[in-house]
Amino acid sequence: MKVPFVNLQAQHEPLQTEINLAIANVFTNTSFILGEEVNKFEEEFAAYCGVKHAIGLDSGLSALKLALEAYNIGEGDEVIVPANTFIATAAAVSFVGAKPVFVDIKPNTYNIDSAKIEAAITERTKAIIPVHLYGIPADMNEIMAIANQHNLIVIEDACQAHGAYYRGQRIGSFGHAAAFSFYPAKNLGAAGDGGALVTNDSQLNAQIKAMRNCGQKEKYVHVTTPYNHRLDTVHAAVLRIKLRHLDEWNALRRQKATLYHRFLLHSGVITPAAPNYTIPVWHLYVVRVQNRAALQARLNEQGISTALHYPLPLHLQPYYENLGHQRGDFPITETYADQILSLPMFPELSEEQIEHVANALKVFVATQELTIT
């Protein structure tokens, strides 16, 4: 049985006629840059997240970078980020000239350990970027309490958590701002690169809308940094259609995660956990195993596609060797980086496919003499 890691064709097929019409309308009116579809998507996505404003951008990385710059974070400043995340989280900090300061993760959720944040705060610390990794919300109450105590900006990296809830409130509505990615394989994906920043800060909204569009407050009047980070109208048209289905798709992802939990119970595979005060959206379903390379090869032989998110922690990346970190600095992140394996996860995944994946895992683990803790 073939089990792909993702299957975007299965998502797009039922929507193809509607998507084609929406794209055709953009070509008919030829408003390719910041057209009406962008405005409408921004209104709809802001309402979905429970905030006042959404700014359509070209990527989640741009959203993080522009937010940091708009809050005057730059050279000589420090920003706290989790050691276990995609490089874009830390790269945004580097791009504005600030220093990313890494913090280890919680063993159960793989998110930043809020109990370790205060020890990383210095007089140079200006912000915290918590990541809702794999679609599981970080502990925002604790993070916001720390930020408020130390007068720090909080920018949520919600690039993998579209539609998730923390204590009954949508992710993206806790911090001063939140970044989303619309990379095609995300829970809400465009037809290429795309992103958004959401916020309740009207001044930030106005500034970033200018920054994304060559720094223009009005045409040819450039009042701030002249970047080009706009969300294309075609992508906004596609996103408007898909946004209407996002909650349904997320509910299906939760069903798939529940099946994985059930089929892998007592298997020796460590399955991911989401606190009971969250409603995760399972962008990824990441397990922990021993002999990962051998397992991944065995699964591939059986037609099961898997992925690694993320096998080399940020503090050990060649790009950040100038920070002087070494192995042992963030032990939980490092241990997990050698064990994590992302299993197939998408709304259209069938129960038979999940059971096939789980059975293959169980057979492999049963042949191993190693245990994992």
Protein backbone atom coordinates (compact mmCIF):
# COMPACT_ATOMS: atom_id res chain seq x y z
CA MET A 1 0.00 0.00 0.00
CA LYS A 2 1.38 3.41 -1.00
CA VAL A 3 1.10 6.10 1.67
CA PRO A 4 2.35 9.54 0.61
CA PHE A 5 3.59 12.00 3.20
CA VAL A 6 1.17 14.64 1.91
CA ASN A 7 -1.39 14.59 -0.89
CA LEU A 8 -2.30 18.05 -2.13
CA GLN A 9 -4.11 16.63 -5.15
CA ALA A 10 -6.67 15.02 -2.84
CA GLN A 11 -7.29 18.41 -1.23
CA HIS A 12 -7.52 20.36 -4.46
CA GLU A 13 -9.64 18.01 -6.56
CA PRO A 14 -13.01 18.86 -4.95
CA LEU A 15 -12.17 22.58 -5.11
CA GLN A 16 -10.63 22.66 -8.56
CA THR A 17 -13.56 24.23 -10.41
CA GLU A 18 -13.97 26.96 -7.79
CA ILE A 19 -10.22 27.63 -7.68
CA ASN A 20 -9.98 27.81 -11.46
CA LEU A 21 -12.82 30.33 -11.56
CA ALA A 22 -11.26 32.47 -8.85
CA ILE A 23 -7.91 32.52 -10.65
CA ALA A 24 -9.62 33.28 -13.96
CA ASN A 25 -11.36 36.26 -12.34
CA VAL A 26 -8.00 37.63 -11.22
CA PHE A 27 -6.69 37.32 -14.77
CA THR A 28 -9.83 38.97 -16.13
CA ASN A 29 -9.54 42.04 -13.91
CA THR A 30 -5.68 41.93 -14.09
CA SER A 31 -5.28 43.27 -10.55
CA PHE A 32 -2.34 41.00 -9.80
CA ILE A 33 -0.74 43.12 -7.05
CA LEU A 34 -2.71 43.93 -3.88
CA GLY A 35 -6.01 43.40 -5.65
CA GLU A 36 -9.41 43.21 -3.99
CA GLU A 37 -8.97 39.50 -3.22
CA VAL A 38 -6.07 40.44 -0.94
CA ASN A 39 -8.20 42.94 0.97
CA LYS A 40 -11.02 40.45 1.36
CA PHE A 41 -8.71 37.66 2.47
CA GLU A 42 -7.10 39.94 5.04
CA GLU A 43 -10.52 40.80 6.49
CA GLU A 44 -11.61 37.16 6.56
CA PHE A 45 -8.38 35.82 8.02
CA ALA A 46 -8.30 38.50 10.72
CA ALA A 47 -11.86 37.56 11.71
CA TYR A 48 -10.94 33.88 11.68
CA CYS A 49 -8.01 34.48 14.04
CA GLY A 50 -10.05 36.77 16.29
CA VAL A 51 -7.90 39.87 15.75
CA LYS A 52 -8.37 43.31 14.23
CA HIS A 53 -5.88 43.15 11.40
CA ALA A 54 -4.20 40.76 8.97
CA ILE A 55 -1.52 41.81 6.50
CA GLY A 56 -0.95 39.57 3.47
CA LEU A 57 2.75 38.92 2.83
CA ASP A 58 4.97 36.73 0.69
CA SER A 59 6.03 34.32 3.48
CA GLY A 60 5.91 33.57 7.18
CA LEU A 61 9.59 34.51 7.40
CA SER A 62 8.80 37.97 6.05
CA ALA A 63 6.03 38.31 8.62
CA LEU A 64 8.44 37.61 11.47
CA LYS A 65 11.15 39.87 10.07
CA LEU A 66 8.84 42.83 9.41
CA ALA A 67 7.26 42.57 12.85
CA LEU A 68 10.66 42.61 14.56
CA GLU A 69 11.83 45.59 12.52
CA ALA A 70 8.57 47.47 13.06
CA TYR A 71 9.05 47.07 16.82
CA ASN A 72 12.55 48.59 16.47
CA ILE A 73 14.38 45.37 17.30
CA GLY A 74 17.82 45.28 15.73
CA GLU A 75 21.55 45.54 16.24
CA GLY A 76 22.63 44.70 19.79
CA ASP A 77 19.24 43.28 20.78
CA GLU A 78 18.41 39.69 21.72
CA VAL A 79 15.32 37.66 20.92
CA ILE A 80 14.44 34.39 22.64
CA VAL A 81 13.48 31.50 20.34
CA PRO A 82 13.15 27.72 20.84
CA ALA A 83 16.10 25.56 19.85
CA ASN A 84 13.71 23.14 18.13
CA THR A 85 12.09 24.85 15.16
CA PHE A 86 12.59 25.62 11.48
CA ILE A 87 15.45 28.02 10.80
CA ALA A 88 13.09 30.80 9.63
CA THR A 89 12.19 31.58 13.25
CA ALA A 90 15.77 32.44 14.15
CA ALA A 91 16.68 33.75 10.69
CA ALA A 92 14.14 36.57 11.04
CA VAL A 93 16.00 37.68 14.17
CA SER A 94 19.35 37.53 12.38
CA PHE A 95 18.03 39.45 9.38
CA VAL A 96 17.20 42.51 11.51
CA GLY A 97 20.67 42.40 13.09
CA ALA A 98 19.62 40.99 16.46
CA LYS A 99 20.87 37.84 18.15
CA PRO A 100 18.69 34.73 18.54
CA VAL A 101 18.96 33.28 22.05
CA PHE A 102 17.94 29.65 22.14
CA VAL A 103 15.92 27.91 24.87
CA ASP A 104 15.40 24.16 25.23
CA ILE A 105 12.01 22.50 24.82
CA LYS A 106 9.43 20.74 26.96
CA PRO A 107 9.68 16.95 26.77
CA ASN A 108 6.00 16.39 26.07
CA THR A 109 5.03 19.03 23.49
CA TYR A 110 8.41 19.77 21.81
CA ASN A 111 7.61 23.48 22.26
CA ILE A 112 9.72 26.05 24.10
CA ASP A 113 10.01 25.34 27.83
CA SER A 114 8.55 28.47 29.42
CA ALA A 115 10.17 27.53 32.73
CA LYS A 116 13.58 28.10 31.12
CA ILE A 117 12.84 31.44 29.46
CA GLU A 118 13.62 33.75 32.37
CA ALA A 119 17.13 32.32 32.74
CA ALA A 120 17.79 33.39 29.13
CA ILE A 121 16.63 37.00 29.62
CA THR A 122 19.33 39.68 29.77
CA GLU A 123 19.30 43.47 29.64
CA ARG A 124 19.52 43.13 25.84
CA THR A 125 16.41 40.94 25.50
CA LYS A 126 13.65 42.67 23.58
CA ALA A 127 11.28 39.91 22.44
CA ILE A 128 10.18 36.29 22.62
CA ILE A 129 9.11 34.26 19.59
CA PRO A 130 7.22 31.17 20.80
CA VAL A 131 6.57 28.61 18.08
CA HIS A 132 3.39 26.53 17.97
CA LEU A 133 5.37 23.65 16.56
CA TYR A 134 3.72 20.88 14.53
CA GLY A 135 0.35 22.58 15.20
CA ILE A 136 0.50 22.19 19.01
CA PRO A 137 0.12 25.50 20.88
CA ALA A 138 2.90 26.71 23.14
CA ASP A 139 1.98 27.67 26.71
CA MET A 140 0.95 31.26 25.99
CA ASN A 141 -0.31 32.16 29.48
CA GLU A 142 3.10 31.50 30.99
CA ILE A 143 4.94 33.16 28.11
CA MET A 144 2.79 36.29 28.18
CA ALA A 145 3.18 36.56 31.96
CA ILE A 146 6.99 36.48 31.60
CA ALA A 147 6.87 38.96 28.73
CA ASN A 148 4.66 41.37 30.66
CA GLN A 149 6.90 41.16 33.72
CA HIS A 150 10.00 42.01 31.66
CA ASN A 151 8.32 44.39 29.19
CA LEU A 152 9.06 42.19 26.17
CA ILE A 153 7.39 41.99 22.77
CA VAL A 154 5.83 38.61 21.89
CA ILE A 155 5.54 37.57 18.26
CA GLU A 156 3.90 34.18 17.83
CA ASP A 157 5.31 31.93 15.14
CA ALA A 158 2.03 30.31 14.13
CA CYS A 159 3.30 29.12 10.74
CA GLN A 160 2.28 25.53 11.54
CA ALA A 161 -0.80 26.22 13.65
CA HIS A 162 -3.55 27.76 11.53
CA GLY A 163 -6.79 27.40 13.50
CA ALA A 164 -5.38 25.90 16.70
CA TYR A 165 -6.81 26.88 20.07
CA TYR A 166 -5.15 27.55 23.42
CA ARG A 167 -7.54 27.66 26.39
CA GLY A 168 -10.48 28.42 24.11
CA GLN A 169 -8.77 31.22 22.16
CA ARG A 170 -7.36 31.08 18.64
CA ILE A 171 -3.61 30.94 18.29
CA GLY A 172 -2.34 34.20 16.84
CA SER A 173 -4.42 36.38 19.16
CA PHE A 174 -2.18 36.29 22.25
CA GLY A 175 1.03 38.11 21.36
CA HIS A 176 1.61 41.59 20.01
CA ALA A 177 1.55 39.96 16.57
CA ALA A 178 1.63 36.52 14.99
CA ALA A 179 3.16 35.18 11.80
CA PHE A 180 1.54 32.62 9.51
CA SER A 181 2.95 30.80 6.49
CA PHE A 182 0.82 29.73 3.54
CA TYR A 183 3.43 27.43 2.02
CA PRO A 184 1.39 24.94 -0.07
CA ALA A 185 1.74 22.00 2.35
CA LYS A 186 0.59 23.99 5.40
CA ASN A 187 -2.89 23.43 6.86
CA LEU A 188 -3.90 26.54 4.93
CA GLY A 189 -1.73 26.64 1.84
CA ALA A 190 -1.52 28.95 -1.15
CA ALA A 191 -0.55 28.00 -4.70
CA GLY A 192 3.04 29.00 -3.91
CA ASP A 193 4.77 31.00 -1.21
CA GLY A 194 2.65 33.27 0.95
CA GLY A 195 2.21 34.46 4.50
CA ALA A 196 0.49 36.90 6.81
CA LEU A 197 0.99 38.86 10.00
CA VAL A 198 -2.00 39.27 12.30
CA THR A 199 -2.27 41.79 15.12
CA ASN A 200 -4.53 43.99 17.23
CA ASP A 201 -1.99 46.82 16.97
CA SER A 202 -3.37 49.31 14.45
CA GLN A 203 -0.12 51.27 14.28
CA LEU A 204 1.83 48.09 13.52
CA ASN A 205 -0.73 47.17 10.87
CA ALA A 206 -0.31 50.51 9.07
CA GLN A 207 3.48 50.38 9.24
CA ILE A 208 3.82 46.84 7.91
CA LYS A 209 1.30 47.46 5.13
CA ALA A 210 3.61 50.27 4.03
CA MET A 211 6.81 48.27 4.52
CA ARG A 212 5.57 45.34 2.43
CA ASN A 213 4.77 47.67 -0.48
CA CYS A 214 8.03 49.55 -1.07
CA GLY A 215 7.55 51.63 2.09
CA GLN A 216 4.66 53.56 0.54
CA LYS A 217 2.04 55.31 2.63
CA GLU A 218 0.61 56.47 -0.68
CA LYS A 219 1.91 55.96 -4.20
CA TYR A 220 5.47 57.26 -4.57
CA VAL A 221 5.50 58.59 -1.00
CA HIS A 222 7.94 56.29 0.82
CA VAL A 223 7.76 56.69 4.59
CA THR A 224 9.44 53.52 5.88
CA THR A 225 11.76 50.70 4.81
CA PRO A 226 10.95 49.98 1.13
CA TYR A 227 10.59 46.20 1.05
CA ASN A 228 8.66 44.16 -1.49
CA HIS A 229 6.92 41.46 0.55
CA ARG A 230 3.37 41.46 -0.85
CA LEU A 231 0.92 38.59 -1.02
CA ASP A 232 -0.03 38.04 -4.66
CA THR A 233 -3.69 38.46 -5.57
CA VAL A 234 -3.85 34.99 -7.15
CA HIS A 235 -2.70 33.41 -3.88
CA ALA A 236 -5.24 35.43 -1.90
CA ALA A 237 -8.02 34.22 -4.20
CA VAL A 238 -7.01 30.60 -3.59
CA LEU A 239 -6.63 31.16 0.16
CA ARG A 240 -10.13 32.66 0.46
CA ILE A 241 -11.62 29.45 -0.93
CA LYS A 242 -9.49 27.17 1.22
CA LEU A 243 -10.07 29.19 4.41
CA ARG A 244 -13.74 28.18 4.29
CA HIS A 245 -12.67 24.53 4.61
CA LEU A 246 -9.88 24.94 7.15
CA ASP A 247 -11.84 24.01 10.27
CA GLU A 248 -13.18 20.88 8.57
CA TRP A 249 -9.68 19.89 7.44
CA ASN A 250 -8.27 20.50 10.91
CA ALA A 251 -10.99 18.35 12.46
CA LEU A 252 -10.03 15.56 10.06
CA ARG A 253 -6.38 15.93 11.05
CA ARG A 254 -7.38 15.49 14.70
CA GLN A 255 -9.24 12.32 13.76
CA LYS A 256 -6.13 11.00 12.01
CA ALA A 257 -3.98 11.82 15.04
CA THR A 258 -6.42 9.97 17.30
CA LEU A 259 -6.16 6.91 15.06
CA TYR A 260 -2.36 7.05 15.17
CA HIS A 261 -2.52 7.34 18.98
CA ARG A 262 -4.76 4.28 19.15
CA PHE A 263 -2.89 2.09 16.69
CA LEU A 264 0.49 2.93 18.23
CA LEU A 265 -0.54 2.47 21.86
CA HIS A 266 1.92 0.19 23.72
CA SER A 267 3.99 -0.13 20.54
CA GLY A 268 7.24 1.25 21.93
CA VAL A 269 6.91 4.27 19.64
CA ILE A 270 6.71 7.59 21.52
CA THR A 271 3.72 9.47 20.14
CA PRO A 272 3.25 13.26 20.37
CA ALA A 273 1.16 14.81 23.12
CA ALA A 274 -1.01 17.91 23.20
CA PRO A 275 -2.10 19.40 26.56
CA ASN A 276 -5.81 19.02 27.27
CA TYR A 277 -6.25 22.80 27.36
CA THR A 278 -5.31 23.02 23.68
CA ILE A 279 -7.01 22.05 20.45
CA PRO A 280 -4.09 21.21 18.15
CA VAL A 281 -4.28 21.10 14.37
CA TRP A 282 -1.61 18.44 13.74
CA HIS A 283 0.25 20.06 10.88
CA LEU A 284 2.73 17.25 11.48
CA TYR A 285 2.47 13.98 13.40
CA VAL A 286 5.96 13.47 14.82
CA VAL A 287 6.93 10.32 16.71
CA ARG A 288 10.17 9.32 18.39
CA VAL A 289 11.96 6.07 17.62
CA GLN A 290 15.32 4.37 17.90
CA ASN A 291 17.25 3.32 14.79
CA ARG A 292 15.46 6.02 12.83
CA ALA A 293 17.48 5.70 9.64
CA ALA A 294 16.85 1.95 9.44
CA LEU A 295 13.16 2.45 10.17
CA GLN A 296 12.78 5.19 7.57
CA ALA A 297 14.45 2.96 4.97
CA ARG A 298 12.19 0.04 5.88
CA LEU A 299 9.07 2.19 5.63
CA ASN A 300 10.19 3.54 2.28
CA GLU A 301 10.56 -0.02 1.00
CA GLN A 302 6.90 -0.56 1.95
CA GLY A 303 5.72 2.54 0.09
CA ILE A 304 5.39 4.72 3.20
CA SER A 305 6.82 8.23 2.86
CA THR A 306 8.16 9.99 5.96
CA ALA A 307 10.15 13.16 6.72
CA LEU A 308 12.43 14.67 9.36
CA HIS A 309 11.47 17.91 11.17
CA TYR A 310 14.20 18.89 12.22
CA PRO A 311 17.26 16.62 12.36
CA LEU A 312 19.89 19.29 13.11
CA PRO A 313 19.00 21.75 15.89
CA LEU A 314 19.40 25.46 15.22
CA HIS A 315 22.28 25.98 17.63
CA LEU A 316 24.30 23.33 15.76
CA GLN A 317 23.57 24.69 12.28
CA PRO A 318 26.65 25.90 10.34
CA TYR A 319 24.93 29.27 9.87
CA TYR A 320 24.96 29.80 13.65
CA GLU A 321 28.41 28.50 14.48
CA ASN A 322 29.43 32.09 15.27
CA LEU A 323 27.21 31.92 18.38
CA GLY A 324 29.62 29.43 19.90
CA HIS A 325 27.19 26.70 20.87
CA GLN A 326 28.20 23.07 21.18
CA ARG A 327 26.56 19.71 21.74
CA GLY A 328 25.12 19.45 25.23
CA ASP A 329 23.87 23.04 25.41
CA PHE A 330 20.23 22.04 24.80
CA PRO A 331 20.05 18.34 25.65
CA ILE A 332 16.35 17.66 25.13
CA THR A 333 16.35 19.26 21.69
CA GLU A 334 19.50 17.35 20.74
CA THR A 335 18.21 14.00 21.97
CA TYR A 336 14.92 14.39 20.16
CA ALA A 337 16.58 15.57 16.94
CA ASP A 338 18.16 12.12 16.64
CA GLN A 339 14.83 10.34 17.22
CA ILE A 340 12.03 12.32 15.57
CA LEU A 341 10.23 10.98 12.52
CA SER A 342 7.27 12.68 10.84
CA LEU A 343 4.60 10.23 9.67
CA PRO A 344 2.14 10.83 6.82
CA MET A 345 -0.47 13.40 7.87
CA PHE A 346 -3.14 15.08 5.75
CA PRO A 347 -6.94 15.34 6.03
CA GLU A 348 -7.68 12.76 3.34
CA LEU A 349 -5.48 10.05 4.87
CA SER A 350 -7.56 6.87 5.27
CA GLU A 351 -7.88 4.70 8.35
CA GLU A 352 -6.48 1.78 6.35
CA GLN A 353 -3.40 3.82 5.44
CA ILE A 354 -2.84 4.85 9.05
CA GLU A 355 -3.21 1.28 10.26
CA HIS A 356 -0.74 0.16 7.58
CA VAL A 357 1.81 2.75 8.76
CA ALA A 358 1.28 1.83 12.42
CA ASN A 359 1.62 -1.91 11.74
CA ALA A 360 4.86 -1.33 9.85
CA LEU A 361 6.20 0.67 12.79
CA LYS A 362 5.18 -1.97 15.31
CA VAL A 363 6.78 -4.79 13.32
CA PHE A 364 10.02 -2.85 13.09
CA VAL A 365 10.08 -1.92 16.77
CA ALA A 366 9.33 -5.51 17.80
CA THR A 367 12.52 -6.62 16.06
CA GLN A 368 14.62 -4.09 18.00
CA GLU A 369 16.13 -4.70 21.39
CA LEU A 370 16.46 -1.00 22.19
CA THR A 371 13.94 0.94 24.24
CA ILE A 372 13.33 4.66 24.16
CA THR A 373 12.63 6.99 27.07
